[in-house]
Amino acid sequence: MEEKLQKPLKNLDLNTNRGRGPENKILVSAYVSSSRMSPLKSKPPSLVSLCLGVIGKHLEDMIPCLAEISVMFPSDIKMSIAAIARRKKLLDDDVIICLADSSWEILDVGGSDVTNSGLAKVAEICKSLRAVDISRCNKISSMGVLELVQHCRSLETLRCGGCPSSESTARRSLSIFKPNLSNVEGETWEEIDTSEIGHGGQSLRWLVWPRIDKDSLEMLSSECPRIVVNPKPSLVAYRADEVPREALPDVALDEPFVKDIDPKTWVVTGVVQKPTSFPLSNELSIAEKFRLAFAERDARMAPKRAKNARQRQRRAERDWMMSSDEAKAMVFASKATRSLHKS
């Protein structure tokens, strides 16, 4: 349609008094409508993204030789492969250690099988880490957090919580961030050596813990005022205290490294993928809570119901015997039979 309209519109001057006839007005209106309705051409994926998609689809087969292959990859490609592995539930100690690069400034192992030893090894390699996500990691404890803050002196953002194990890890790690002033020497604040104040994490400023409990929040507010818990985005741009993107839980830390890759790359057949953002939907639905509560109550009341049923049966038998002459005769006959056998 647009090609048909181009020819008559060549000589049409829209800024003059010419072309105001009804036929020209209809022509101009149709041209504008067709221009608005024409679909915008999307930017084609880059060759790197296409190659990463192919690698991601066959990542399971590449893991045994990943240590040899990853040596040839630049740091951003390693980060992309780690992000794909995390989404495909393949990220563990062996994979993340093979891919770890000394130039990394972010580390996202949320929801993976990385353990304390794997996190400690990566922290030794990637000492420039500024933001780390260990949320939903069942195999990382406060010991892993201690190793992380001791090796990464530039750590500013830590994301945790999201599952019972990670919630417990976050609570146990609070003592790592608290300043320790009991053994500090010096009469003035200027004379205090910052390395003596705490075990580590002196540079930590942003803590993303969506379900932090009240006691932990009060402790951090009073004893660690430098740490901002669950920060909100700044309304004014370019402020000194502007919240960095890594401290916002709406997207994953490694999202920029896979944004141009086809999401089908990490789809696993038969497995429902969890969202990459913070897992606020882990909580059971109200209907499921009611069902579990009813099942628990039913199991708890089962012995009592059985006891009541036996009592009702005995009561019914007793009432039947007291109200029926035939039942009384049968009882007396039974007693007589037992007495004869005893004698």
C-alpha atoms as a PDB file:
ATOM      1  CA  MET A   1       0.000   0.000   0.000  1.00  0.00           C
ATOM      2  CA  GLU A   2       2.805   2.375   0.875  1.00  0.00           C
ATOM      3  CA  GLU A   3       4.441   1.865  -2.532  1.00  0.00           C
ATOM      4  CA  LYS A   4       1.204   2.734  -4.310  1.00  0.00           C
ATOM      5  CA  LEU A   5       0.902   5.932  -2.319  1.00  0.00           C
ATOM      6  CA  GLN A   6       4.480   7.065  -2.819  1.00  0.00           C
ATOM      7  CA  LYS A   7       4.071   8.030  -6.511  1.00  0.00           C
ATOM      8  CA  PRO A   8       1.074  10.409  -6.205  1.00  0.00           C
ATOM      9  CA  LEU A   9       2.569  11.963  -3.090  1.00  0.00           C
ATOM     10  CA  LYS A  10       5.791  13.015  -4.794  1.00  0.00           C
ATOM     11  CA  ASN A  11       4.252  16.203  -6.129  1.00  0.00           C
ATOM     12  CA  LEU A  12       2.007  16.839  -3.124  1.00  0.00           C
ATOM     13  CA  ASP A  13       3.007  19.836  -0.990  1.00  0.00           C
ATOM     14  CA  LEU A  14       1.594  19.468   2.478  1.00  0.00           C
ATOM     15  CA  ASN A  15       2.860  22.867   3.658  1.00  0.00           C
ATOM     16  CA  THR A  16       1.064  24.965   1.012  1.00  0.00           C
ATOM     17  CA  ASN A  17      -2.511  25.625   0.006  1.00  0.00           C
ATOM     18  CA  ARG A  18      -2.220  23.109  -2.813  1.00  0.00           C
ATOM     19  CA  GLY A  19      -3.482  19.591  -2.301  1.00  0.00           C
ATOM     20  CA  ARG A  20      -6.459  20.556  -0.136  1.00  0.00           C
ATOM     21  CA  GLY A  21      -8.981  18.781  -2.275  1.00  0.00           C
ATOM     22  CA  PRO A  22     -10.999  15.928  -0.762  1.00  0.00           C
ATOM     23  CA  GLU A  23      -9.172  13.312  -2.784  1.00  0.00           C
ATOM     24  CA  ASN A  24      -5.790  14.666  -1.643  1.00  0.00           C
ATOM     25  CA  LYS A  25      -6.892  14.772   1.983  1.00  0.00           C
ATOM     26  CA  ILE A  26      -7.968  11.140   1.797  1.00  0.00           C
ATOM     27  CA  LEU A  27      -4.658  10.264   0.138  1.00  0.00           C
ATOM     28  CA  VAL A  28      -2.622  12.018   2.816  1.00  0.00           C
ATOM     29  CA  SER A  29      -4.659  10.417   5.611  1.00  0.00           C
ATOM     30  CA  ALA A  30      -4.177   6.948   4.148  1.00  0.00           C
ATOM     31  CA  TYR A  31      -0.436   7.527   3.775  1.00  0.00           C
ATOM     32  CA  VAL A  32      -0.035   8.664   7.369  1.00  0.00           C
ATOM     33  CA  SER A  33      -2.070   5.711   8.659  1.00  0.00           C
ATOM     34  CA  SER A  34      -0.071   3.214   6.631  1.00  0.00           C
ATOM     35  CA  SER A  35       3.164   4.745   7.894  1.00  0.00           C
ATOM     36  CA  ARG A  36       2.044   4.407  11.495  1.00  0.00           C
ATOM     37  CA  MET A  37       0.868   0.852  10.994  1.00  0.00           C
ATOM     38  CA  SER A  38       4.044  -0.370   9.331  1.00  0.00           C
ATOM     39  CA  PRO A  39       5.916  -2.623  11.756  1.00  0.00           C
ATOM     40  CA  LEU A  40       9.241  -1.460  13.156  1.00  0.00           C
ATOM     41  CA  LYS A  41      12.183  -3.556  12.163  1.00  0.00           C
ATOM     42  CA  SER A  42      13.806  -5.167  15.211  1.00  0.00           C
ATOM     43  CA  LYS A  43      17.540  -5.220  15.526  1.00  0.00           C
ATOM     44  CA  PRO A  44      18.939  -8.607  14.466  1.00  0.00           C
ATOM     45  CA  PRO A  45      20.936 -10.529  17.075  1.00  0.00           C
ATOM     46  CA  SER A  46      24.685 -10.244  16.944  1.00  0.00           C
ATOM     47  CA  LEU A  47      26.896 -13.087  15.830  1.00  0.00           C
ATOM     48  CA  VAL A  48      28.255 -13.394  19.367  1.00  0.00           C
ATOM     49  CA  SER A  49      24.732 -13.818  20.766  1.00  0.00           C
ATOM     50  CA  LEU A  50      23.925 -16.489  18.194  1.00  0.00           C
ATOM     51  CA  CYS A  51      27.136 -18.368  19.023  1.00  0.00           C
ATOM     52  CA  LEU A  52      26.401 -18.143  22.756  1.00  0.00           C
ATOM     53  CA  GLY A  53      22.934 -19.527  22.080  1.00  0.00           C
ATOM     54  CA  VAL A  54      24.431 -22.551  20.351  1.00  0.00           C
ATOM     55  CA  ILE A  55      26.923 -23.038  23.192  1.00  0.00           C
ATOM     56  CA  GLY A  56      24.146 -22.740  25.762  1.00  0.00           C
ATOM     57  CA  LYS A  57      21.971 -25.371  24.098  1.00  0.00           C
ATOM     58  CA  HIS A  58      24.837 -27.884  24.225  1.00  0.00           C
ATOM     59  CA  LEU A  59      26.354 -26.746  27.511  1.00  0.00           C
ATOM     60  CA  GLU A  60      25.686 -30.088  29.218  1.00  0.00           C
ATOM     61  CA  ASP A  61      27.973 -31.824  26.723  1.00  0.00           C
ATOM     62  CA  MET A  62      30.686 -29.178  27.065  1.00  0.00           C
ATOM     63  CA  ILE A  63      30.968 -29.177  30.865  1.00  0.00           C
ATOM     64  CA  PRO A  64      33.486 -32.088  31.063  1.00  0.00           C
ATOM     65  CA  CYS A  65      35.976 -30.134  28.908  1.00  0.00           C
ATOM     66  CA  LEU A  66      34.926 -26.641  29.982  1.00  0.00           C
ATOM     67  CA  ALA A  67      38.156 -26.007  31.899  1.00  0.00           C
ATOM     68  CA  GLU A  68      40.220 -26.379  28.714  1.00  0.00           C
ATOM     69  CA  ILE A  69      37.837 -24.474  26.449  1.00  0.00           C
ATOM     70  CA  SER A  70      37.131 -21.504  28.746  1.00  0.00           C
ATOM     71  CA  VAL A  71      40.796 -20.471  28.781  1.00  0.00           C
ATOM     72  CA  MET A  72      40.342 -19.054  25.281  1.00  0.00           C
ATOM     73  CA  PHE A  73      37.207 -17.047  26.131  1.00  0.00           C
ATOM     74  CA  PRO A  74      37.235 -13.356  27.143  1.00  0.00           C
ATOM     75  CA  SER A  75      35.807 -12.415  30.546  1.00  0.00           C
ATOM     76  CA  ASP A  76      32.400 -11.234  29.298  1.00  0.00           C
ATOM     77  CA  ILE A  77      31.854 -14.467  27.354  1.00  0.00           C
ATOM     78  CA  LYS A  78      32.700 -16.464  30.474  1.00  0.00           C
ATOM     79  CA  MET A  79      30.153 -14.414  32.400  1.00  0.00           C
ATOM     80  CA  SER A  80      27.492 -15.107  29.746  1.00  0.00           C
ATOM     81  CA  ILE A  81      28.178 -18.838  29.886  1.00  0.00           C
ATOM     82  CA  ALA A  82      27.957 -18.761  33.694  1.00  0.00           C
ATOM     83  CA  ALA A  83      24.620 -16.923  33.441  1.00  0.00           C
ATOM     84  CA  ILE A  84      23.285 -19.543  31.021  1.00  0.00           C
ATOM     85  CA  ALA A  85      24.527 -22.362  33.258  1.00  0.00           C
ATOM     86  CA  ARG A  86      22.769 -20.810  36.242  1.00  0.00           C
ATOM     87  CA  ARG A  87      19.490 -20.610  34.347  1.00  0.00           C
ATOM     88  CA  LYS A  88      19.841 -24.210  33.176  1.00  0.00           C
ATOM     89  CA  LYS A  89      20.499 -25.391  36.761  1.00  0.00           C
ATOM     90  CA  LEU A  90      24.017 -26.509  35.820  1.00  0.00           C
ATOM     91  CA  LEU A  91      26.006 -24.037  37.906  1.00  0.00           C
ATOM     92  CA  ASP A  92      28.076 -25.712  40.616  1.00  0.00           C
ATOM     93  CA  ASP A  93      31.580 -25.397  42.064  1.00  0.00           C
ATOM     94  CA  ASP A  94      33.342 -26.984  39.079  1.00  0.00           C
ATOM     95  CA  VAL A  95      31.592 -24.825  36.491  1.00  0.00           C
ATOM     96  CA  ILE A  96      31.958 -21.486  38.277  1.00  0.00           C
ATOM     97  CA  ILE A  97      35.626 -22.116  39.124  1.00  0.00           C
ATOM     98  CA  CYS A  98      36.380 -22.968  35.476  1.00  0.00           C
ATOM     99  CA  LEU A  99      34.744 -19.748  34.301  1.00  0.00           C
ATOM    100  CA  ALA A 100      35.894 -17.356  37.049  1.00  0.00           C
ATOM    101  CA  ASP A 101      37.899 -14.423  35.702  1.00  0.00           C
ATOM    102  CA  SER A 102      40.008 -11.979  37.683  1.00  0.00           C
ATOM    103  CA  SER A 103      38.375  -9.004  35.929  1.00  0.00           C
ATOM    104  CA  TRP A 104      34.849  -9.865  37.078  1.00  0.00           C
ATOM    105  CA  GLU A 105      33.134  -7.213  39.170  1.00  0.00           C
ATOM    106  CA  ILE A 106      29.813  -9.025  39.658  1.00  0.00           C
ATOM    107  CA  LEU A 107      29.000 -12.598  40.614  1.00  0.00           C
ATOM    108  CA  ASP A 108      25.525 -14.099  40.393  1.00  0.00           C
ATOM    109  CA  VAL A 109      25.216 -17.633  41.765  1.00  0.00           C
ATOM    110  CA  GLY A 110      21.647 -17.222  43.022  1.00  0.00           C
ATOM    111  CA  GLY A 111      19.698 -20.487  43.193  1.00  0.00           C
ATOM    112  CA  SER A 112      22.716 -22.587  42.173  1.00  0.00           C
ATOM    113  CA  ASP A 113      24.562 -25.542  43.707  1.00  0.00           C
ATOM    114  CA  VAL A 114      27.690 -23.522  44.515  1.00  0.00           C
ATOM    115  CA  THR A 115      29.056 -24.330  47.982  1.00  0.00           C
ATOM    116  CA  ASN A 116      31.273 -22.537  50.494  1.00  0.00           C
ATOM    117  CA  SER A 117      34.442 -23.956  48.956  1.00  0.00           C
ATOM    118  CA  GLY A 118      33.432 -22.921  45.448  1.00  0.00           C
ATOM    119  CA  LEU A 119      32.538 -19.413  46.590  1.00  0.00           C
ATOM    120  CA  ALA A 120      35.833 -19.098  48.479  1.00  0.00           C
ATOM    121  CA  LYS A 121      37.840 -20.207  45.436  1.00  0.00           C
ATOM    122  CA  VAL A 122      36.030 -17.739  43.167  1.00  0.00           C
ATOM    123  CA  ALA A 123      36.587 -14.974  45.729  1.00  0.00           C
ATOM    124  CA  GLU A 124      40.331 -15.694  45.632  1.00  0.00           C
ATOM    125  CA  ILE A 125      40.320 -15.356  41.836  1.00  0.00           C
ATOM    126  CA  CYS A 126      37.883 -12.435  41.506  1.00  0.00           C
ATOM    127  CA  LYS A 127      39.135 -10.025  44.150  1.00  0.00           C
ATOM    128  CA  SER A 128      37.565  -7.016  42.406  1.00  0.00           C
ATOM    129  CA  LEU A 129      33.975  -8.118  42.973  1.00  0.00           C
ATOM    130  CA  ARG A 130      31.631  -5.218  43.786  1.00  0.00           C
ATOM    131  CA  ALA A 131      28.278  -7.047  43.803  1.00  0.00           C
ATOM    132  CA  VAL A 132      27.457 -10.665  44.657  1.00  0.00           C
ATOM    133  CA  ASP A 133      24.147 -12.549  44.661  1.00  0.00           C
ATOM    134  CA  ILE A 134      24.023 -15.664  46.860  1.00  0.00           C
ATOM    135  CA  SER A 135      20.250 -15.714  47.310  1.00  0.00           C
ATOM    136  CA  ARG A 136      18.458 -19.080  47.298  1.00  0.00           C
ATOM    137  CA  CYS A 137      21.766 -20.961  47.731  1.00  0.00           C
ATOM    138  CA  ASN A 138      21.200 -23.897  50.074  1.00  0.00           C
ATOM    139  CA  LYS A 139      24.873 -24.866  50.180  1.00  0.00           C
ATOM    140  CA  ILE A 140      26.372 -21.507  51.175  1.00  0.00           C
ATOM    141  CA  SER A 141      26.653 -20.666  54.877  1.00  0.00           C
ATOM    142  CA  SER A 142      28.119 -17.810  56.873  1.00  0.00           C
ATOM    143  CA  MET A 143      31.578 -19.379  56.431  1.00  0.00           C
ATOM    144  CA  GLY A 144      31.310 -18.778  52.700  1.00  0.00           C
ATOM    145  CA  VAL A 145      30.231 -15.175  53.311  1.00  0.00           C
ATOM    146  CA  LEU A 146      33.240 -14.685  55.589  1.00  0.00           C
ATOM    147  CA  GLU A 147      35.583 -15.965  52.872  1.00  0.00           C
ATOM    148  CA  LEU A 148      33.902 -13.667  50.374  1.00  0.00           C
ATOM    149  CA  VAL A 149      34.295 -10.447  52.364  1.00  0.00           C
ATOM    150  CA  GLN A 150      37.842 -11.288  53.417  1.00  0.00           C
ATOM    151  CA  HIS A 151      39.061 -11.714  49.829  1.00  0.00           C
ATOM    152  CA  CYS A 152      36.889  -9.073  48.120  1.00  0.00           C
ATOM    153  CA  ARG A 153      37.689  -5.798  49.866  1.00  0.00           C
ATOM    154  CA  SER A 154      35.681  -3.797  47.292  1.00  0.00           C
ATOM    155  CA  LEU A 155      32.393  -5.630  47.903  1.00  0.00           C
ATOM    156  CA  GLU A 156      29.612  -3.036  48.065  1.00  0.00           C
ATOM    157  CA  THR A 157      26.418  -5.000  47.329  1.00  0.00           C
ATOM    158  CA  LEU A 158      25.324  -8.370  48.709  1.00  0.00           C
ATOM    159  CA  ARG A 159      22.048 -10.044  47.804  1.00  0.00           C
ATOM    160  CA  CYS A 160      20.826 -12.866  50.036  1.00  0.00           C
ATOM    161  CA  GLY A 161      17.723 -14.587  51.394  1.00  0.00           C
ATOM    162  CA  GLY A 162      14.936 -16.076  49.314  1.00  0.00           C
ATOM    163  CA  CYS A 163      14.817 -19.544  50.936  1.00  0.00           C
ATOM    164  CA  PRO A 164      14.971 -20.838  54.555  1.00  0.00           C
ATOM    165  CA  SER A 165      18.632 -21.843  54.272  1.00  0.00           C
ATOM    166  CA  SER A 166      19.720 -18.535  52.766  1.00  0.00           C
ATOM    167  CA  GLU A 167      17.638 -16.607  55.310  1.00  0.00           C
ATOM    168  CA  SER A 168      19.510 -18.429  58.094  1.00  0.00           C
ATOM    169  CA  THR A 169      22.843 -17.705  56.394  1.00  0.00           C
ATOM    170  CA  ALA A 170      21.994 -14.003  56.226  1.00  0.00           C
ATOM    171  CA  ARG A 171      21.160 -13.860  59.946  1.00  0.00           C
ATOM    172  CA  ARG A 172      24.344 -15.695  60.909  1.00  0.00           C
ATOM    173  CA  SER A 173      26.423 -13.381  58.707  1.00  0.00           C
ATOM    174  CA  LEU A 174      25.368 -10.194  60.482  1.00  0.00           C
ATOM    175  CA  SER A 175      28.199 -10.539  62.982  1.00  0.00           C
ATOM    176  CA  ILE A 176      30.649 -10.389  60.073  1.00  0.00           C
ATOM    177  CA  PHE A 177      29.426  -6.927  59.108  1.00  0.00           C
ATOM    178  CA  LYS A 178      29.224  -5.544  62.646  1.00  0.00           C
ATOM    179  CA  PRO A 179      32.158  -3.372  63.732  1.00  0.00           C
ATOM    180  CA  ASN A 180      34.256  -4.816  66.550  1.00  0.00           C
ATOM    181  CA  LEU A 181      35.525  -2.049  68.825  1.00  0.00           C
ATOM    182  CA  SER A 182      36.461  -4.163  71.847  1.00  0.00           C
ATOM    183  CA  ASN A 183      40.151  -4.554  70.958  1.00  0.00           C
ATOM    184  CA  VAL A 184      40.714  -1.291  69.124  1.00  0.00           C
ATOM    185  CA  GLU A 185      43.771   0.708  70.162  1.00  0.00           C
ATOM    186  CA  GLY A 186      43.960   4.471  69.866  1.00  0.00           C
ATOM    187  CA  GLU A 187      42.481   7.429  71.668  1.00  0.00           C
ATOM    188  CA  THR A 188      40.809   9.105  68.670  1.00  0.00           C
ATOM    189  CA  TRP A 189      38.868   7.910  65.647  1.00  0.00           C
ATOM    190  CA  GLU A 190      41.640   9.135  63.360  1.00  0.00           C
ATOM    191  CA  GLU A 191      44.076   6.697  64.978  1.00  0.00           C
ATOM    192  CA  ILE A 192      41.872   3.645  64.501  1.00  0.00           C
ATOM    193  CA  ASP A 193      43.000   1.148  61.906  1.00  0.00           C
ATOM    194  CA  THR A 194      39.976   0.135  59.802  1.00  0.00           C
ATOM    195  CA  SER A 195      41.284  -3.413  59.486  1.00  0.00           C
ATOM    196  CA  GLU A 196      40.790  -3.838  63.245  1.00  0.00           C
ATOM    197  CA  ILE A 197      37.162  -2.779  63.272  1.00  0.00           C
ATOM    198  CA  GLY A 198      35.668  -5.987  61.910  1.00  0.00           C
ATOM    199  CA  HIS A 199      36.329  -9.344  60.291  1.00  0.00           C
ATOM    200  CA  GLY A 200      35.620  -7.957  56.829  1.00  0.00           C
ATOM    201  CA  GLY A 201      32.997  -6.304  54.734  1.00  0.00           C
ATOM    202  CA  GLN A 202      34.015  -2.777  55.669  1.00  0.00           C
ATOM    203  CA  SER A 203      33.124  -1.624  52.144  1.00  0.00           C
ATOM    204  CA  LEU A 204      29.656  -3.225  52.171  1.00  0.00           C
ATOM    205  CA  ARG A 205      27.013  -0.551  51.701  1.00  0.00           C
ATOM    206  CA  TRP A 206      23.954  -2.178  50.124  1.00  0.00           C
ATOM    207  CA  LEU A 207      22.267  -5.313  51.525  1.00  0.00           C
ATOM    208  CA  VAL A 208      19.389  -6.736  49.491  1.00  0.00           C
ATOM    209  CA  TRP A 209      17.397  -9.000  51.800  1.00  0.00           C
ATOM    210  CA  PRO A 210      13.692  -8.679  50.896  1.00  0.00           C
ATOM    211  CA  ARG A 211      12.362 -10.720  53.837  1.00  0.00           C
ATOM    212  CA  ILE A 212      14.653  -9.476  56.550  1.00  0.00           C
ATOM    213  CA  ASP A 213      13.242  -9.994  60.040  1.00  0.00           C
ATOM    214  CA  LYS A 214      12.577  -7.104  62.376  1.00  0.00           C
ATOM    215  CA  ASP A 215      15.353  -7.923  64.859  1.00  0.00           C
ATOM    216  CA  SER A 216      18.021  -8.137  62.154  1.00  0.00           C
ATOM    217  CA  LEU A 217      16.859  -4.883  60.610  1.00  0.00           C
ATOM    218  CA  GLU A 218      16.994  -3.083  63.960  1.00  0.00           C
ATOM    219  CA  MET A 219      20.459  -4.475  64.694  1.00  0.00           C
ATOM    220  CA  LEU A 220      21.804  -3.324  61.323  1.00  0.00           C
ATOM    221  CA  SER A 221      20.223   0.111  61.706  1.00  0.00           C
ATOM    222  CA  SER A 222      21.777   0.659  65.128  1.00  0.00           C
ATOM    223  CA  GLU A 223      25.159  -1.057  64.784  1.00  0.00           C
ATOM    224  CA  CYS A 224      25.841  -0.834  61.026  1.00  0.00           C
ATOM    225  CA  PRO A 225      24.372   2.486  59.869  1.00  0.00           C
ATOM    226  CA  ARG A 226      26.633   2.487  56.824  1.00  0.00           C
ATOM    227  CA  ILE A 227      24.693  -0.451  55.357  1.00  0.00           C
ATOM    228  CA  VAL A 228      21.423   0.379  53.589  1.00  0.00           C
ATOM    229  CA  VAL A 229      18.966  -2.532  53.637  1.00  0.00           C
ATOM    230  CA  ASN A 230      16.682  -3.028  50.619  1.00  0.00           C
ATOM    231  CA  PRO A 231      17.414   0.394  49.097  1.00  0.00           C
ATOM    232  CA  LYS A 232      14.900   2.171  46.897  1.00  0.00           C
ATOM    233  CA  PRO A 233      15.915   3.811  43.593  1.00  0.00           C
ATOM    234  CA  SER A 234      16.915   7.460  43.858  1.00  0.00           C
ATOM    235  CA  LEU A 235      14.378   9.968  42.559  1.00  0.00           C
ATOM    236  CA  VAL A 236      17.105  12.424  41.598  1.00  0.00           C
ATOM    237  CA  ALA A 237      19.725  11.223  39.141  1.00  0.00           C
ATOM    238  CA  TYR A 238      23.452  11.743  39.586  1.00  0.00           C
ATOM    239  CA  ARG A 239      23.227  11.968  43.343  1.00  0.00           C
ATOM    240  CA  ALA A 240      26.181  10.954  45.477  1.00  0.00           C
ATOM    241  CA  ASP A 241      24.014   8.358  47.234  1.00  0.00           C
ATOM    242  CA  GLU A 242      22.370   7.081  44.055  1.00  0.00           C
ATOM    243  CA  VAL A 243      21.436   3.414  44.407  1.00  0.00           C
ATOM    244  CA  PRO A 244      23.367   1.271  41.894  1.00  0.00           C
ATOM    245  CA  ARG A 245      21.553  -1.114  39.612  1.00  0.00           C
ATOM    246  CA  GLU A 246      23.111  -4.106  41.404  1.00  0.00           C
ATOM    247  CA  ALA A 247      21.311  -3.126  44.629  1.00  0.00           C
ATOM    248  CA  LEU A 248      17.837  -3.311  43.062  1.00  0.00           C
ATOM    249  CA  PRO A 249      16.147  -6.744  43.204  1.00  0.00           C
ATOM    250  CA  ASP A 250      13.957  -6.322  40.129  1.00  0.00           C
ATOM    251  CA  VAL A 251      16.471  -7.920  37.736  1.00  0.00           C
ATOM    252  CA  ALA A 252      19.256 -10.458  38.057  1.00  0.00           C
ATOM    253  CA  LEU A 253      22.854  -9.309  38.341  1.00  0.00           C
ATOM    254  CA  ASP A 254      23.872 -11.225  35.230  1.00  0.00           C
ATOM    255  CA  GLU A 255      20.892 -10.092  33.137  1.00  0.00           C
ATOM    256  CA  PRO A 256      22.953  -7.699  30.924  1.00  0.00           C
ATOM    257  CA  PHE A 257      25.113 -10.612  29.795  1.00  0.00           C
ATOM    258  CA  VAL A 258      22.186 -12.632  28.386  1.00  0.00           C
ATOM    259  CA  LYS A 259      19.745  -9.908  27.312  1.00  0.00           C
ATOM    260  CA  ASP A 260      20.466 -10.465  23.585  1.00  0.00           C
ATOM    261  CA  ILE A 261      20.383 -14.272  23.798  1.00  0.00           C
ATOM    262  CA  ASP A 262      17.260 -16.217  22.890  1.00  0.00           C
ATOM    263  CA  PRO A 263      15.570 -17.349  26.166  1.00  0.00           C
ATOM    264  CA  LYS A 264      14.907 -20.737  24.558  1.00  0.00           C
ATOM    265  CA  THR A 265      18.613 -21.392  25.073  1.00  0.00           C
ATOM    266  CA  TRP A 266      18.135 -22.256  28.748  1.00  0.00           C
ATOM    267  CA  VAL A 267      14.673 -23.793  28.632  1.00  0.00           C
ATOM    268  CA  VAL A 268      14.757 -27.300  30.090  1.00  0.00           C
ATOM    269  CA  THR A 269      12.043 -29.657  28.875  1.00  0.00           C
ATOM    270  CA  GLY A 270       9.702 -30.735  31.648  1.00  0.00           C
ATOM    271  CA  VAL A 271      11.116 -28.290  34.189  1.00  0.00           C
ATOM    272  CA  VAL A 272       9.383 -25.068  35.162  1.00  0.00           C
ATOM    273  CA  GLN A 273      11.941 -22.299  35.158  1.00  0.00           C
ATOM    274  CA  LYS A 274      12.084 -20.026  38.182  1.00  0.00           C
ATOM    275  CA  PRO A 275      12.116 -16.261  37.657  1.00  0.00           C
ATOM    276  CA  THR A 276      15.522 -14.632  37.464  1.00  0.00           C
ATOM    277  CA  SER A 277      14.458 -11.799  39.733  1.00  0.00           C
ATOM    278  CA  PHE A 278      14.198 -12.159  43.457  1.00  0.00           C
ATOM    279  CA  PRO A 279      11.918 -15.127  44.287  1.00  0.00           C
ATOM    280  CA  LEU A 280       9.111 -13.338  46.061  1.00  0.00           C
ATOM    281  CA  SER A 281       6.666 -16.030  44.886  1.00  0.00           C
ATOM    282  CA  ASN A 282       8.240 -18.909  46.842  1.00  0.00           C
ATOM    283  CA  GLU A 283       5.524 -18.569  49.484  1.00  0.00           C
ATOM    284  CA  LEU A 284       2.676 -21.090  49.248  1.00  0.00           C
ATOM    285  CA  SER A 285      -0.685 -19.938  48.008  1.00  0.00           C
ATOM    286  CA  ILE A 286      -3.524 -19.407  50.480  1.00  0.00           C
ATOM    287  CA  ALA A 287      -5.426 -22.416  49.096  1.00  0.00           C
ATOM    288  CA  GLU A 288      -2.364 -24.650  49.547  1.00  0.00           C
ATOM    289  CA  LYS A 289      -1.887 -23.387  53.109  1.00  0.00           C
ATOM    290  CA  PHE A 290      -5.496 -24.241  53.930  1.00  0.00           C
ATOM    291  CA  ARG A 291      -5.132 -27.692  52.402  1.00  0.00           C
ATOM    292  CA  LEU A 292      -1.955 -28.458  54.380  1.00  0.00           C
ATOM    293  CA  ALA A 293      -3.507 -27.117  57.587  1.00  0.00           C
ATOM    294  CA  PHE A 294      -6.600 -29.289  57.097  1.00  0.00           C
ATOM    295  CA  ALA A 295      -4.493 -32.369  56.364  1.00  0.00           C
ATOM    296  CA  GLU A 296      -2.386 -31.752  59.474  1.00  0.00           C
ATOM    297  CA  ARG A 297      -5.472 -31.273  61.655  1.00  0.00           C
ATOM    298  CA  ASP A 298      -7.107 -34.370  60.161  1.00  0.00           C
ATOM    299  CA  ALA A 299      -4.049 -36.490  60.965  1.00  0.00           C
ATOM    300  CA  ARG A 300      -3.888 -35.057  64.490  1.00  0.00           C
ATOM    301  CA  MET A 301      -7.586 -35.772  65.182  1.00  0.00           C
ATOM    302  CA  ALA A 302      -7.600 -39.299  63.684  1.00  0.00           C
ATOM    303  CA  PRO A 303      -6.766 -41.145  66.981  1.00  0.00           C
ATOM    304  CA  LYS A 304      -9.404 -39.192  68.858  1.00  0.00           C
ATOM    305  CA  ARG A 305     -12.035 -39.994  66.236  1.00  0.00           C
ATOM    306  CA  ALA A 306     -11.180 -43.701  66.432  1.00  0.00           C
ATOM    307  CA  LYS A 307     -11.480 -43.635  70.234  1.00  0.00           C
ATOM    308  CA  ASN A 308     -14.870 -41.911  70.062  1.00  0.00           C
ATOM    309  CA  ALA A 309     -16.074 -44.479  67.521  1.00  0.00           C
ATOM    310  CA  ARG A 310     -15.115 -47.353  69.847  1.00  0.00           C
ATOM    311  CA  GLN A 311     -16.867 -45.666  72.758  1.00  0.00           C
ATOM    312  CA  ARG A 312     -20.047 -45.198  70.732  1.00  0.00           C
ATOM    313  CA  GLN A 313     -19.975 -48.840  69.653  1.00  0.00           C
ATOM    314  CA  ARG A 314     -19.609 -50.067  73.257  1.00  0.00           C
ATOM    315  CA  ARG A 315     -22.343 -47.709  74.402  1.00  0.00           C
ATOM    316  CA  ALA A 316     -24.676 -48.978  71.665  1.00  0.00           C
ATOM    317  CA  GLU A 317     -24.002 -52.600  72.612  1.00  0.00           C
ATOM    318  CA  ARG A 318     -24.658 -51.850  76.274  1.00  0.00           C
ATOM    319  CA  ASP A 319     -27.911 -50.059  75.502  1.00  0.00           C
ATOM    320  CA  TRP A 320     -29.029 -52.937  73.281  1.00  0.00           C
ATOM    321  CA  MET A 321     -28.363 -55.476  75.982  1.00  0.00           C
ATOM    322  CA  MET A 322     -30.218 -53.483  78.642  1.00  0.00           C
ATOM    323  CA  SER A 323     -33.290 -52.901  76.445  1.00  0.00           C
ATOM    324  CA  SER A 324     -33.746 -56.354  74.914  1.00  0.00           C
ATOM    325  CA  ASP A 325     -34.923 -59.474  76.786  1.00  0.00           C
ATOM    326  CA  GLU A 326     -33.312 -61.636  74.137  1.00  0.00           C
ATOM    327  CA  ALA A 327     -29.961 -59.923  74.666  1.00  0.00           C
ATOM    328  CA  LYS A 328     -30.247 -60.391  78.436  1.00  0.00           C
ATOM    329  CA  ALA A 329     -30.954 -64.085  77.949  1.00  0.00           C
ATOM    330  CA  MET A 330     -27.917 -64.431  75.699  1.00  0.00           C
ATOM    331  CA  VAL A 331     -25.709 -62.707  78.282  1.00  0.00           C
ATOM    332  CA  PHE A 332     -26.954 -64.948  81.117  1.00  0.00           C
ATOM    333  CA  ALA A 333     -26.484 -68.057  78.952  1.00  0.00           C
ATOM    334  CA  SER A 334     -22.943 -66.992  78.103  1.00  0.00           C
ATOM    335  CA  LYS A 335     -22.093 -66.442  81.769  1.00  0.00           C
ATOM    336  CA  ALA A 336     -23.560 -69.809  82.675  1.00  0.00           C
ATOM    337  CA  THR A 337     -21.547 -71.549  79.955  1.00  0.00           C
ATOM    338  CA  ARG A 338     -18.314 -69.949  81.187  1.00  0.00           C
ATOM    339  CA  SER A 339     -19.015 -70.975  84.775  1.00  0.00           C
ATOM    340  CA  LEU A 340     -19.670 -74.559  83.740  1.00  0.00           C
ATOM    341  CA  HIS A 341     -16.395 -74.742  81.833  1.00  0.00           C
ATOM    342  CA  LYS A 342     -14.493 -73.394  84.812  1.00  0.00           C
ATOM    343  CA  SER A 343     -15.994 -75.968  87.119  1.00  0.00           C
END
